[in-house]
C-alpha atoms as a PDB file:
ATOM      1  CA  UNK A   1       3.998  25.023   4.259  1.00  0.00           C
ATOM      2  CA  UNK A   2       7.232  23.576   1.399  1.00  0.00           C
ATOM      3  CA  UNK A   3       7.774  25.705  -1.776  1.00  0.00           C
ATOM      4  CA  UNK A   4       6.272  23.095  -3.904  1.00  0.00           C
ATOM      5  CA  UNK A   5       2.882  23.248  -2.312  1.00  0.00           C
ATOM      6  CA  UNK A   6       2.876  26.831  -2.141  1.00  0.00           C
ATOM      7  CA  UNK A   7       3.368  27.046  -6.180  1.00  0.00           C
ATOM      8  CA  UNK A   8       0.618  24.329  -6.491  1.00  0.00           C
ATOM      9  CA  UNK A   9      -1.631  26.453  -4.381  1.00  0.00           C
ATOM     10  CA  UNK A  10      -0.705  29.844  -6.435  1.00  0.00           C
ATOM     11  CA  UNK A  11      -1.107  28.418  -9.720  1.00  0.00           C
ATOM     12  CA  UNK A  12      -4.697  26.628  -8.582  1.00  0.00           C
ATOM     13  CA  UNK A  13      -5.325  29.998  -7.211  1.00  0.00           C
ATOM     14  CA  UNK A  14      -4.399  31.624 -11.206  1.00  0.00           C
ATOM     15  CA  UNK A  15      -7.726  29.061 -12.245  1.00  0.00           C
ATOM     16  CA  UNK A  16      -9.596  29.888  -9.363  1.00  0.00           C
ATOM     17  CA  UNK A  17     -10.105  32.837 -10.278  1.00  0.00           C
ATOM     18  CA  UNK A  18      -9.891  33.124 -13.962  1.00  0.00           C
ATOM     19  CA  UNK A  19      -6.685  33.755 -14.756  1.00  0.00           C
ATOM     20  CA  UNK A  20      -5.666  30.819 -16.127  1.00  0.00           C
ATOM     21  CA  UNK A  21      -8.978  29.508 -18.294  1.00  0.00           C
ATOM     22  CA  UNK A  22      -9.677  26.055 -19.079  1.00  0.00           C
ATOM     23  CA  UNK A  23      -7.315  25.239 -21.842  1.00  0.00           C
ATOM     24  CA  UNK A  24      -5.283  28.295 -22.001  1.00  0.00           C
ATOM     25  CA  UNK A  25      -1.901  27.798 -21.985  1.00  0.00           C
ATOM     26  CA  UNK A  26       0.599  29.165 -19.481  1.00  0.00           C
ATOM     27  CA  UNK A  27       3.439  31.789 -19.425  1.00  0.00           C
ATOM     28  CA  UNK A  28       6.440  30.979 -20.322  1.00  0.00           C
ATOM     29  CA  UNK A  29       8.293  29.452 -16.985  1.00  0.00           C
ATOM     30  CA  UNK A  30      10.965  32.095 -16.342  1.00  0.00           C
ATOM     31  CA  UNK A  31       7.382  34.982 -16.566  1.00  0.00           C
ATOM     32  CA  UNK A  32       5.084  33.106 -14.414  1.00  0.00           C
ATOM     33  CA  UNK A  33       7.574  32.400 -11.666  1.00  0.00           C
ATOM     34  CA  UNK A  34       8.519  36.035 -11.513  1.00  0.00           C
ATOM     35  CA  UNK A  35       5.057  36.524 -11.619  1.00  0.00           C
ATOM     36  CA  UNK A  36       4.304  34.454  -8.700  1.00  0.00           C
ATOM     37  CA  UNK A  37       7.236  34.734  -6.677  1.00  0.00           C
ATOM     38  CA  UNK A  38       8.836  31.833  -7.172  1.00  0.00           C
ATOM     39  CA  UNK A  39      12.236  30.259  -8.040  1.00  0.00           C
ATOM     40  CA  UNK A  40      12.071  27.971 -11.269  1.00  0.00           C
ATOM     41  CA  UNK A  41      13.000  24.712  -9.783  1.00  0.00           C
ATOM     42  CA  UNK A  42       9.838  25.127  -7.726  1.00  0.00           C
ATOM     43  CA  UNK A  43       7.705  25.835 -10.279  1.00  0.00           C
ATOM     44  CA  UNK A  44       8.580  22.981 -12.172  1.00  0.00           C
ATOM     45  CA  UNK A  45       7.974  21.147  -9.582  1.00  0.00           C
ATOM     46  CA  UNK A  46       4.079  22.205  -9.380  1.00  0.00           C
ATOM     47  CA  UNK A  47       3.986  22.133 -12.557  1.00  0.00           C
ATOM     48  CA  UNK A  48       4.889  18.013 -12.746  1.00  0.00           C
ATOM     49  CA  UNK A  49       2.139  17.599  -9.941  1.00  0.00           C
ATOM     50  CA  UNK A  50      -0.352  19.639 -11.310  1.00  0.00           C
ATOM     51  CA  UNK A  51      -0.528  17.746 -14.504  1.00  0.00           C
ATOM     52  CA  UNK A  52      -0.643  14.500 -12.910  1.00  0.00           C
ATOM     53  CA  UNK A  53      -3.498  15.475 -11.218  1.00  0.00           C
ATOM     54  CA  UNK A  54      -4.589  16.581 -14.703  1.00  0.00           C
ATOM     55  CA  UNK A  55      -5.446  20.302 -14.048  1.00  0.00           C
ATOM     56  CA  UNK A  56      -2.546  20.577 -16.092  1.00  0.00           C
ATOM     57  CA  UNK A  57      -0.953  18.962 -19.700  1.00  0.00           C
ATOM     58  CA  UNK A  58       2.079  19.260 -21.302  1.00  0.00           C
ATOM     59  CA  UNK A  59       2.275  19.256 -25.405  1.00  0.00           C
ATOM     60  CA  UNK A  60       5.029  18.206 -26.197  1.00  0.00           C
ATOM     61  CA  UNK A  61       6.869  21.285 -28.099  1.00  0.00           C
ATOM     62  CA  UNK A  62       4.309  23.827 -28.006  1.00  0.00           C
ATOM     63  CA  UNK A  63       4.281  24.199 -24.027  1.00  0.00           C
ATOM     64  CA  UNK A  64       1.579  23.970 -20.976  1.00  0.00           C
ATOM     65  CA  UNK A  65      -1.883  24.261 -20.829  1.00  0.00           C
ATOM     66  CA  UNK A  66      -4.732  23.993 -18.249  1.00  0.00           C
ATOM     67  CA  UNK A  67      -7.041  21.003 -19.199  1.00  0.00           C
ATOM     68  CA  UNK A  68     -10.410  20.987 -19.832  1.00  0.00           C
ATOM     69  CA  UNK A  69     -10.631  20.913 -15.947  1.00  0.00           C
ATOM     70  CA  UNK A  70     -13.791  18.818 -16.102  1.00  0.00           C
ATOM     71  CA  UNK A  71     -14.868  16.582 -12.915  1.00  0.00           C
ATOM     72  CA  UNK A  72     -14.514  13.138 -14.823  1.00  0.00           C
ATOM     73  CA  UNK A  73     -11.241  13.657 -15.876  1.00  0.00           C
ATOM     74  CA  UNK A  74      -9.765  15.102 -12.771  1.00  0.00           C
ATOM     75  CA  UNK A  75     -11.515  12.211 -10.754  1.00  0.00           C
ATOM     76  CA  UNK A  76      -8.623  10.020 -12.937  1.00  0.00           C
ATOM     77  CA  UNK A  77      -6.670  11.276 -10.365  1.00  0.00           C
ATOM     78  CA  UNK A  78      -8.241   8.877  -7.646  1.00  0.00           C
ATOM     79  CA  UNK A  79      -7.443   5.479  -9.480  1.00  0.00           C
ATOM     80  CA  UNK A  80      -3.953   5.163  -8.201  1.00  0.00           C
ATOM     81  CA  UNK A  81      -5.486   5.932  -4.897  1.00  0.00           C
ATOM     82  CA  UNK A  82      -7.805   2.801  -5.007  1.00  0.00           C
ATOM     83  CA  UNK A  83      -5.984   0.590  -6.990  1.00  0.00           C
ATOM     84  CA  UNK A  84      -3.449   0.189  -3.938  1.00  0.00           C
ATOM     85  CA  UNK A  85      -5.998   0.431  -1.333  1.00  0.00           C
ATOM     86  CA  UNK A  86      -6.528  -2.472   1.323  1.00  0.00           C
ATOM     87  CA  UNK A  87      -7.570  -3.115   4.172  1.00  0.00           C
ATOM     88  CA  UNK A  88      -9.832  -0.515   5.623  1.00  0.00           C
ATOM     89  CA  UNK A  89      -8.894   1.715   2.813  1.00  0.00           C
ATOM     90  CA  UNK A  90     -11.501  -0.743   0.973  1.00  0.00           C
ATOM     91  CA  UNK A  91     -13.302  -0.603   3.395  1.00  0.00           C
ATOM     92  CA  UNK A  92     -13.947   2.701   3.070  1.00  0.00           C
ATOM     93  CA  UNK A  93     -14.298   2.642  -0.683  1.00  0.00           C
ATOM     94  CA  UNK A  94     -17.066   0.416  -0.294  1.00  0.00           C
ATOM     95  CA  UNK A  95     -19.121   2.254   1.899  1.00  0.00           C
ATOM     96  CA  UNK A  96     -18.996   5.217  -0.659  1.00  0.00           C
ATOM     97  CA  UNK A  97     -19.931   2.860  -3.290  1.00  0.00           C
ATOM     98  CA  UNK A  98     -22.865   1.959  -0.673  1.00  0.00           C
ATOM     99  CA  UNK A  99     -23.744   5.284  -0.188  1.00  0.00           C
ATOM    100  CA  UNK A 100     -24.070   6.325  -4.371  1.00  0.00           C
ATOM    101  CA  UNK A 101     -25.187   3.677  -6.232  1.00  0.00           C
ATOM    102  CA  UNK A 102     -28.181   2.442  -4.962  1.00  0.00           C
ATOM    103  CA  UNK A 103     -29.284   5.915  -5.558  1.00  0.00           C
ATOM    104  CA  UNK A 104     -27.688   5.867  -9.264  1.00  0.00           C
ATOM    105  CA  UNK A 105     -30.022   2.522  -9.600  1.00  0.00           C
ATOM    106  CA  UNK A 106     -32.872   4.190  -8.700  1.00  0.00           C
ATOM    107  CA  UNK A 107     -32.439   7.061 -10.855  1.00  0.00           C
ATOM    108  CA  UNK A 108     -31.915   4.939 -13.661  1.00  0.00           C
ATOM    109  CA  UNK A 109     -35.192   3.075 -12.918  1.00  0.00           C
ATOM    110  CA  UNK A 110     -37.310   5.719 -15.287  1.00  0.00           C
ATOM    111  CA  UNK A 111     -34.258   5.880 -18.143  1.00  0.00           C
ATOM    112  CA  UNK A 112     -33.411   2.600 -19.182  1.00  0.00           C
ATOM    113  CA  UNK A 113     -34.507   2.259 -22.202  1.00  0.00           C
ATOM    114  CA  UNK A 114     -36.066  -1.814 -23.659  1.00  0.00           C
ATOM    115  CA  UNK A 115     -32.970  -1.991 -25.307  1.00  0.00           C
ATOM    116  CA  UNK A 116     -30.642  -1.406 -22.175  1.00  0.00           C
ATOM    117  CA  UNK A 117     -32.652  -3.777 -20.382  1.00  0.00           C
ATOM    118  CA  UNK A 118     -32.145  -6.177 -23.289  1.00  0.00           C
ATOM    119  CA  UNK A 119     -28.074  -5.228 -23.112  1.00  0.00           C
ATOM    120  CA  UNK A 120     -28.312  -5.811 -18.585  1.00  0.00           C
ATOM    121  CA  UNK A 121     -29.712  -9.364 -19.286  1.00  0.00           C
ATOM    122  CA  UNK A 122     -26.838 -10.286 -21.484  1.00  0.00           C
ATOM    123  CA  UNK A 123     -24.754  -9.086 -19.455  1.00  0.00           C
ATOM    124  CA  UNK A 124     -26.437 -11.397 -16.830  1.00  0.00           C
ATOM    125  CA  UNK A 125     -26.360 -14.066 -19.348  1.00  0.00           C
ATOM    126  CA  UNK A 126     -22.625 -13.796 -19.389  1.00  0.00           C
ATOM    127  CA  UNK A 127     -22.170 -13.830 -16.216  1.00  0.00           C
ATOM    128  CA  UNK A 128     -23.717 -16.738 -15.055  1.00  0.00           C
ATOM    129  CA  UNK A 129     -22.204 -18.728 -17.671  1.00  0.00           C
ATOM    130  CA  UNK A 130     -18.554 -17.185 -16.570  1.00  0.00           C
ATOM    131  CA  UNK A 131     -15.944 -19.861 -15.532  1.00  0.00           C
ATOM    132  CA  UNK A 132     -13.629 -18.306 -13.364  1.00  0.00           C
ATOM    133  CA  UNK A 133     -14.336 -15.865 -10.556  1.00  0.00           C
ATOM    134  CA  UNK A 134     -11.989 -13.155 -11.949  1.00  0.00           C
ATOM    135  CA  UNK A 135     -14.840 -13.402 -15.664  1.00  0.00           C
ATOM    136  CA  UNK A 136     -17.923 -13.793 -12.961  1.00  0.00           C
ATOM    137  CA  UNK A 137     -16.274  -9.865 -11.212  1.00  0.00           C
ATOM    138  CA  UNK A 138     -15.901  -8.789 -15.001  1.00  0.00           C
ATOM    139  CA  UNK A 139     -19.140  -8.960 -16.203  1.00  0.00           C
ATOM    140  CA  UNK A 140     -20.626  -8.079 -12.228  1.00  0.00           C
ATOM    141  CA  UNK A 141     -18.802  -4.542 -13.150  1.00  0.00           C
ATOM    142  CA  UNK A 142     -19.818  -4.238 -16.233  1.00  0.00           C
ATOM    143  CA  UNK A 143     -23.334  -4.660 -15.565  1.00  0.00           C
ATOM    144  CA  UNK A 144     -23.335  -2.422 -12.690  1.00  0.00           C
ATOM    145  CA  UNK A 145     -21.428   0.558 -14.898  1.00  0.00           C
ATOM    146  CA  UNK A 146     -23.914  -0.320 -17.515  1.00  0.00           C
ATOM    147  CA  UNK A 147     -26.818   1.169 -15.253  1.00  0.00           C
ATOM    148  CA  UNK A 148     -24.845   3.869 -13.964  1.00  0.00           C
ATOM    149  CA  UNK A 149     -24.178   5.366 -17.441  1.00  0.00           C
ATOM    150  CA  UNK A 150     -27.893   5.528 -17.984  1.00  0.00           C
ATOM    151  CA  UNK A 151     -28.140   8.317 -15.322  1.00  0.00           C
ATOM    152  CA  UNK A 152     -26.131  10.331 -17.835  1.00  0.00           C
ATOM    153  CA  UNK A 153     -23.950  12.176 -15.198  1.00  0.00           C
ATOM    154  CA  UNK A 154     -20.288  11.317 -17.030  1.00  0.00           C
ATOM    155  CA  UNK A 155     -18.947  12.190 -13.168  1.00  0.00           C
ATOM    156  CA  UNK A 156     -20.747   9.843 -10.881  1.00  0.00           C
ATOM    157  CA  UNK A 157     -19.972   7.440 -13.886  1.00  0.00           C
ATOM    158  CA  UNK A 158     -16.300   8.179 -13.615  1.00  0.00           C
ATOM    159  CA  UNK A 159     -16.595   8.082  -9.406  1.00  0.00           C
ATOM    160  CA  UNK A 160     -18.417   4.840  -9.661  1.00  0.00           C
ATOM    161  CA  UNK A 161     -16.707   3.341 -12.267  1.00  0.00           C
ATOM    162  CA  UNK A 162     -13.191   4.136  -9.727  1.00  0.00           C
ATOM    163  CA  UNK A 163     -14.896   2.578  -6.603  1.00  0.00           C
ATOM    164  CA  UNK A 164     -16.562  -0.315  -8.410  1.00  0.00           C
ATOM    165  CA  UNK A 165     -12.999  -1.398 -10.588  1.00  0.00           C
ATOM    166  CA  UNK A 166     -10.998  -0.599  -8.338  1.00  0.00           C
ATOM    167  CA  UNK A 167     -12.245  -2.994  -5.195  1.00  0.00           C
ATOM    168  CA  UNK A 168     -12.955  -6.059  -7.455  1.00  0.00           C
ATOM    169  CA  UNK A 169     -10.100  -7.818  -5.951  1.00  0.00           C
ATOM    170  CA  UNK A 170     -11.804  -7.791  -2.673  1.00  0.00           C
ATOM    171  CA  UNK A 171     -14.357  -9.432  -4.703  1.00  0.00           C
ATOM    172  CA  UNK A 172     -12.493 -11.807  -6.268  1.00  0.00           C
ATOM    173  CA  UNK A 173     -10.678 -13.041  -2.718  1.00  0.00           C
ATOM    174  CA  UNK A 174     -14.862 -13.199  -1.236  1.00  0.00           C
ATOM    175  CA  UNK A 175     -15.791 -15.037  -4.053  1.00  0.00           C
ATOM    176  CA  UNK A 176     -12.606 -17.743  -4.628  1.00  0.00           C
ATOM    177  CA  UNK A 177     -13.252 -18.300  -1.174  1.00  0.00           C
ATOM    178  CA  UNK A 178     -17.270 -19.914  -0.751  1.00  0.00           C
ATOM    179  CA  UNK A 179     -19.356 -20.382  -3.808  1.00  0.00           C
ATOM    180  CA  UNK A 180     -22.067 -19.178  -2.260  1.00  0.00           C
ATOM    181  CA  UNK A 181     -21.068 -15.767  -2.594  1.00  0.00           C
ATOM    182  CA  UNK A 182     -21.269 -15.865  -6.475  1.00  0.00           C
ATOM    183  CA  UNK A 183     -24.780 -17.591  -5.983  1.00  0.00           C
ATOM    184  CA  UNK A 184     -25.749 -14.980  -3.898  1.00  0.00           C
ATOM    185  CA  UNK A 185     -24.524 -12.215  -6.203  1.00  0.00           C
ATOM    186  CA  UNK A 186     -26.091 -13.624  -9.006  1.00  0.00           C
ATOM    187  CA  UNK A 187     -29.694 -14.114  -6.897  1.00  0.00           C
ATOM    188  CA  UNK A 188     -28.748 -10.210  -6.454  1.00  0.00           C
ATOM    189  CA  UNK A 189     -28.435  -9.231 -10.054  1.00  0.00           C
ATOM    190  CA  UNK A 190     -31.758 -10.527 -10.560  1.00  0.00           C
ATOM    191  CA  UNK A 191     -33.393  -9.089  -7.901  1.00  0.00           C
ATOM    192  CA  UNK A 192     -32.132  -5.758  -9.293  1.00  0.00           C
ATOM    193  CA  UNK A 193     -32.606  -6.189 -13.110  1.00  0.00           C
ATOM    194  CA  UNK A 194     -36.054  -7.553 -11.777  1.00  0.00           C
ATOM    195  CA  UNK A 195     -36.701  -3.802 -10.196  1.00  0.00           C
ATOM    196  CA  UNK A 196     -35.707  -2.061 -13.326  1.00  0.00           C
ATOM    197  CA  UNK A 197     -37.995  -3.790 -15.836  1.00  0.00           C
ATOM    198  CA  UNK A 198     -40.527  -2.644 -13.047  1.00  0.00           C
ATOM    199  CA  UNK A 199     -39.734   0.601 -13.297  1.00  0.00           C
ATOM    200  CA  UNK A 200     -39.746   0.235  -9.137  1.00  0.00           C
ATOM    201  CA  UNK A 201     -37.433   2.799  -7.966  1.00  0.00           C
ATOM    202  CA  UNK A 202     -37.641   1.930  -4.292  1.00  0.00           C
ATOM    203  CA  UNK A 203     -37.202  -1.457  -4.821  1.00  0.00           C
ATOM    204  CA  UNK A 204     -34.265  -1.114  -7.086  1.00  0.00           C
ATOM    205  CA  UNK A 205     -32.352   1.210  -4.146  1.00  0.00           C
ATOM    206  CA  UNK A 206     -32.819  -1.448  -1.713  1.00  0.00           C
ATOM    207  CA  UNK A 207     -32.393  -4.201  -3.959  1.00  0.00           C
ATOM    208  CA  UNK A 208     -29.480  -2.487  -5.570  1.00  0.00           C
ATOM    209  CA  UNK A 209     -28.027  -1.576  -1.707  1.00  0.00           C
ATOM    210  CA  UNK A 210     -28.920  -5.520  -0.314  1.00  0.00           C
ATOM    211  CA  UNK A 211     -26.043  -6.564  -3.063  1.00  0.00           C
ATOM    212  CA  UNK A 212     -23.335  -3.725  -2.469  1.00  0.00           C
ATOM    213  CA  UNK A 213     -23.857  -4.067   1.337  1.00  0.00           C
ATOM    214  CA  UNK A 214     -22.853  -7.751   0.891  1.00  0.00           C
ATOM    215  CA  UNK A 215     -19.496  -7.146  -0.307  1.00  0.00           C
ATOM    216  CA  UNK A 216     -19.056  -4.420   2.775  1.00  0.00           C
ATOM    217  CA  UNK A 217     -20.296  -6.570   5.339  1.00  0.00           C
ATOM    218  CA  UNK A 218     -17.763  -9.624   4.602  1.00  0.00           C
ATOM    219  CA  UNK A 219     -14.623  -7.250   4.088  1.00  0.00           C
ATOM    220  CA  UNK A 220     -15.599  -5.761   7.698  1.00  0.00           C
ATOM    221  CA  UNK A 221     -16.266  -9.613   9.286  1.00  0.00           C
ATOM    222  CA  UNK A 222     -12.818 -10.615   7.434  1.00  0.00           C
ATOM    223  CA  UNK A 223     -10.793  -7.573   9.345  1.00  0.00           C
ATOM    224  CA  UNK A 224     -12.583  -8.199  12.341  1.00  0.00           C
ATOM    225  CA  UNK A 225     -10.700 -11.332  12.143  1.00  0.00           C
ATOM    226  CA  UNK A 226      -7.493 -10.504  10.823  1.00  0.00           C
ATOM    227  CA  UNK A 227      -5.724  -8.677   7.702  1.00  0.00           C
ATOM    228  CA  UNK A 228      -6.182 -10.899   4.519  1.00  0.00           C
ATOM    229  CA  UNK A 229      -3.516 -12.329   3.203  1.00  0.00           C
ATOM    230  CA  UNK A 230      -0.835  -9.674   1.255  1.00  0.00           C
ATOM    231  CA  UNK A 231      -1.335 -11.750  -1.957  1.00  0.00           C
ATOM    232  CA  UNK A 232      -4.753 -11.702  -1.926  1.00  0.00           C
ATOM    233  CA  UNK A 233      -5.441  -7.429  -1.340  1.00  0.00           C
END
């Protein structure tokens, strides 16, 4: 095991054991290095890596602290991996989205207020009047995330935000290649909203599943024919 990896594991172990609580300040570098049996250079590398993971935060002139460790904060580290996703990785992200989002949509049926439903209708109105595929996808994302927010689970919202927004390039490419994809998405959005208004959880799950699966199936078929152009990825 590399020394930096060993240092990361040792600091994580202290956090898991409760020796370093959320919000607590790390001991001075020389003290912590001696306590963990590490060189100061290995410790610095570990602190940099854990800071990038949002496990630690550095306050200029004040030292390094354990973050709040809230799950939705830690999930932000997934954003970069999703940002650069292409090919099979993008397909895998869409598969995870299909597993989670329909269930979240079903849960939202009992939680959305009349005002929420009115807001969703307004988003779809802007979606229908979009003049570019990019604008359409932006409203598409807003529609789905607004539904998920109604569930009231920030971890779920953060995870689906990453999965939804970071796979938007695939949706833009798909929409750019065929107007039928955009027309179909409009119809599927209406089906989802109709199920939400009816407070029909099973129908909402089904409608959302069909909608999310359409993009996944398109990408799978496209990859089977060969990799998408780099410019489109």
